[in-house]
Structures are given as C-alpha cells and as structure tokens.
Amino acid sequence: VVALPGNCDFCPGKELERVLPFGEKRLLLCHGHTLGVKSGLDRLLRRAKALGCDAALFGHTHIPHQAVEDGVLLLNPGSLGYAPDRGSGLGIGVLELEDGQLRAALL
C-alpha cells in the first residue's frame, strides 16, 4: 500500500508525490492539490511528462476521470468515502498492465 497525504491531512515529512515503477511503465502518484487539478490537468500532465511517467494517478476533486493526453494516462478513481454533490457517485479505479500496455477502468 502506498499512501500520500491530501490537502486536509497532517503528515509532516510525508512525500506529496511519488514515482513508482509498474512493470516497464512509470506512474506518478499524487493527491493533486499541489498541481491545481481542480483548475485543470495541464500542470499534472506537464509534471508527469517531466518525470518520464506513463500515467498520473491523482485525486483531490473526488470526481472520477480517465483520459489519455499527449500519451499519458490521467486517472482519478473518485472517492470511496466522499462523493461531491456533482452526481459523480462513489468509485474506484483499476489499473492493469498487459503486454506492455496500460489499461484503466473506473468502477
């Protein structure tokens, strides 16, 4: 289990983002608040590309999102514990690697 703090968590010294190998792929994990994901995903995409990542997994908005932009998979699974009043519901994300290809699903 890899856990990263969000904007309401008090975790002094805890890293705010992490790059993890996933087979031959690289994943950027972050909550997203430091990259302004509520205002758009441009900064998240630039950060993932700067770090050589194939995917960026993020949260903060609590709204499920899945897209591929400029060759980078952007995945927000939503939230299991809090659904915003935007009608997105609760959800999780699944990420698989098969034959060198990343595949994501929102459940």
C-alpha atoms as a PDB file:
ATOM      1  CA  VAL A   1       0.000   0.000   0.000  1.00  0.00           C
ATOM      2  CA  VAL A   2       1.278   3.413  -0.942  1.00  0.00           C
ATOM      3  CA  ALA A   3      -0.374   6.378   0.750  1.00  0.00           C
ATOM      4  CA  LEU A   4       0.186  10.049   0.039  1.00  0.00           C
ATOM      5  CA  PRO A   5      -1.295  12.910   2.061  1.00  0.00           C
ATOM      6  CA  GLY A   6      -4.064  15.113   0.750  1.00  0.00           C
ATOM      7  CA  ASN A   7      -4.671  18.771   1.401  1.00  0.00           C
ATOM      8  CA  CYS A   8      -6.522  18.089   4.692  1.00  0.00           C
ATOM      9  CA  ASP A   9      -4.038  15.545   6.066  1.00  0.00           C
ATOM     10  CA  PHE A  10      -1.395  16.477   8.625  1.00  0.00           C
ATOM     11  CA  CYS A  11       1.637  14.346   7.806  1.00  0.00           C
ATOM     12  CA  PRO A  12       4.852  16.286   8.414  1.00  0.00           C
ATOM     13  CA  GLY A  13       7.696  14.991   6.290  1.00  0.00           C
ATOM     14  CA  LYS A  14       5.450  12.749   4.177  1.00  0.00           C
ATOM     15  CA  GLU A  15       6.160  12.981   0.443  1.00  0.00           C
ATOM     16  CA  LEU A  16       3.438  14.714  -1.599  1.00  0.00           C
ATOM     17  CA  GLU A  17       4.119  12.771  -4.776  1.00  0.00           C
ATOM     18  CA  ARG A  18       5.878   9.599  -5.746  1.00  0.00           C
ATOM     19  CA  VAL A  19       7.026   7.900  -8.924  1.00  0.00           C
ATOM     20  CA  LEU A  20       6.576   4.133  -8.889  1.00  0.00           C
ATOM     21  CA  PRO A  21       7.710   1.550 -11.402  1.00  0.00           C
ATOM     22  CA  PHE A  22       4.835  -0.575 -12.705  1.00  0.00           C
ATOM     23  CA  GLY A  23       6.393  -3.258 -14.873  1.00  0.00           C
ATOM     24  CA  GLU A  24       8.213  -1.311 -17.575  1.00  0.00           C
ATOM     25  CA  LYS A  25       5.978   1.725 -17.014  1.00  0.00           C
ATOM     26  CA  ARG A  26       6.318   4.616 -14.575  1.00  0.00           C
ATOM     27  CA  LEU A  27       3.443   6.001 -12.529  1.00  0.00           C
ATOM     28  CA  LEU A  28       3.193   9.414 -10.922  1.00  0.00           C
ATOM     29  CA  LEU A  29       1.111   9.218  -7.747  1.00  0.00           C
ATOM     30  CA  CYS A  30      -0.119  12.423  -6.159  1.00  0.00           C
ATOM     31  CA  HIS A  31      -3.176  13.826  -4.457  1.00  0.00           C
ATOM     32  CA  GLY A  32      -3.301  16.638  -6.978  1.00  0.00           C
ATOM     33  CA  HIS A  33      -3.882  19.699  -4.808  1.00  0.00           C
ATOM     34  CA  THR A  34      -0.309  20.951  -5.271  1.00  0.00           C
ATOM     35  CA  LEU A  35      -0.779  20.749  -9.049  1.00  0.00           C
ATOM     36  CA  GLY A  36      -4.094  22.595  -9.119  1.00  0.00           C
ATOM     37  CA  VAL A  37      -6.141  19.746 -10.606  1.00  0.00           C
ATOM     38  CA  LYS A  38      -9.419  21.472  -9.712  1.00  0.00           C
ATOM     39  CA  SER A  39      -8.486  24.171 -12.239  1.00  0.00           C
ATOM     40  CA  GLY A  40      -7.393  21.780 -14.986  1.00  0.00           C
ATOM     41  CA  LEU A  41      -4.938  18.978 -15.643  1.00  0.00           C
ATOM     42  CA  ASP A  42      -2.229  20.845 -17.565  1.00  0.00           C
ATOM     43  CA  ARG A  43       0.183  21.092 -14.617  1.00  0.00           C
ATOM     44  CA  LEU A  44      -0.368  17.414 -13.744  1.00  0.00           C
ATOM     45  CA  LEU A  45       0.331  16.387 -17.330  1.00  0.00           C
ATOM     46  CA  ARG A  46       3.482  18.542 -17.519  1.00  0.00           C
ATOM     47  CA  ARG A  47       4.747  17.090 -14.216  1.00  0.00           C
ATOM     48  CA  ALA A  48       4.141  13.509 -15.343  1.00  0.00           C
ATOM     49  CA  LYS A  49       5.936  14.138 -18.638  1.00  0.00           C
ATOM     50  CA  ALA A  50       8.852  15.897 -16.882  1.00  0.00           C
ATOM     51  CA  LEU A  51       9.301  12.830 -14.672  1.00  0.00           C
ATOM     52  CA  GLY A  52       9.077  10.419 -17.614  1.00  0.00           C
ATOM     53  CA  CYS A  53       5.829   8.875 -16.393  1.00  0.00           C
ATOM     54  CA  ASP A  54       3.359   6.932 -18.489  1.00  0.00           C
ATOM     55  CA  ALA A  55       0.445   7.611 -16.152  1.00  0.00           C
ATOM     56  CA  ALA A  56      -0.561  10.042 -13.428  1.00  0.00           C
ATOM     57  CA  LEU A  57      -2.883   8.805 -10.680  1.00  0.00           C
ATOM     58  CA  PHE A  58      -4.481  11.609  -8.706  1.00  0.00           C
ATOM     59  CA  GLY A  59      -7.447  12.629  -6.579  1.00  0.00           C
ATOM     60  CA  HIS A  60      -8.448  15.864  -4.826  1.00  0.00           C
ATOM     61  CA  THR A  61     -11.579  16.539  -6.903  1.00  0.00           C
ATOM     62  CA  HIS A  62     -13.310  13.315  -5.761  1.00  0.00           C
ATOM     63  CA  ILE A  63     -14.667  13.105  -9.318  1.00  0.00           C
ATOM     64  CA  PRO A  64     -13.748  10.041 -11.397  1.00  0.00           C
ATOM     65  CA  HIS A  65     -11.762  10.911 -14.512  1.00  0.00           C
ATOM     66  CA  GLN A  66      -9.982   8.816 -17.116  1.00  0.00           C
ATOM     67  CA  ALA A  67      -8.273  10.169 -20.223  1.00  0.00           C
ATOM     68  CA  VAL A  68      -5.106   9.858 -22.251  1.00  0.00           C
ATOM     69  CA  GLU A  69      -3.496  13.188 -23.050  1.00  0.00           C
ATOM     70  CA  ASP A  70      -0.291  13.524 -25.041  1.00  0.00           C
ATOM     71  CA  GLY A  71       0.422   9.818 -24.451  1.00  0.00           C
ATOM     72  CA  VAL A  72      -0.040   9.995 -20.666  1.00  0.00           C
ATOM     73  CA  LEU A  73      -2.892   8.206 -18.899  1.00  0.00           C
ATOM     74  CA  LEU A  74      -4.578  10.500 -16.361  1.00  0.00           C
ATOM     75  CA  LEU A  75      -6.656   8.598 -13.814  1.00  0.00           C
ATOM     76  CA  ASN A  76      -8.666   9.857 -10.862  1.00  0.00           C
ATOM     77  CA  PRO A  77     -10.615   6.991  -9.283  1.00  0.00           C
ATOM     78  CA  GLY A  78     -13.026   9.300  -7.486  1.00  0.00           C
ATOM     79  CA  SER A  79     -13.673   8.548  -3.838  1.00  0.00           C
ATOM     80  CA  LEU A  80     -14.923   5.652  -1.775  1.00  0.00           C
ATOM     81  CA  GLY A  81     -15.723   7.824   1.200  1.00  0.00           C
ATOM     82  CA  TYR A  82     -16.988  11.117  -0.162  1.00  0.00           C
ATOM     83  CA  ALA A  83     -18.980  11.915  -3.272  1.00  0.00           C
ATOM     84  CA  PRO A  84     -19.275  15.592  -4.126  1.00  0.00           C
ATOM     85  CA  ASP A  85     -22.721  16.929  -4.826  1.00  0.00           C
ATOM     86  CA  ARG A  86     -21.976  16.864  -8.561  1.00  0.00           C
ATOM     87  CA  GLY A  87     -23.627  13.482  -9.018  1.00  0.00           C
ATOM     88  CA  SER A  88     -20.440  11.540  -9.709  1.00  0.00           C
ATOM     89  CA  GLY A  89     -21.151   8.827  -7.145  1.00  0.00           C
ATOM     90  CA  LEU A  90     -18.571   6.745  -5.357  1.00  0.00           C
ATOM     91  CA  GLY A  91     -15.955   4.809  -7.267  1.00  0.00           C
ATOM     92  CA  ILE A  92     -12.620   3.103  -7.553  1.00  0.00           C
ATOM     93  CA  GLY A  93     -10.086   2.763 -10.339  1.00  0.00           C
ATOM     94  CA  VAL A  94      -8.299  -0.322 -11.594  1.00  0.00           C
ATOM     95  CA  LEU A  95      -5.020  -0.160 -13.478  1.00  0.00           C
ATOM     96  CA  GLU A  96      -3.640  -3.181 -15.324  1.00  0.00           C
ATOM     97  CA  LEU A  97      -0.511  -3.773 -17.354  1.00  0.00           C
ATOM     98  CA  GLU A  98      -0.689  -6.423 -20.060  1.00  0.00           C
ATOM     99  CA  ASP A  99       1.733  -6.948 -22.929  1.00  0.00           C
ATOM    100  CA  GLY A 100       3.357  -3.588 -22.166  1.00  0.00           C
ATOM    101  CA  GLN A 101       0.075  -1.683 -22.369  1.00  0.00           C
ATOM    102  CA  LEU A 102      -1.617   0.165 -19.518  1.00  0.00           C
ATOM    103  CA  ARG A 103      -5.339  -0.343 -19.208  1.00  0.00           C
ATOM    104  CA  ALA A 104      -7.541   1.553 -16.778  1.00  0.00           C
ATOM    105  CA  ALA A 105     -11.136   1.183 -15.693  1.00  0.00           C
ATOM    106  CA  LEU A 106     -13.369   3.172 -13.397  1.00  0.00           C
ATOM    107  CA  LEU A 107     -15.745   1.055 -11.312  1.00  0.00           C
END
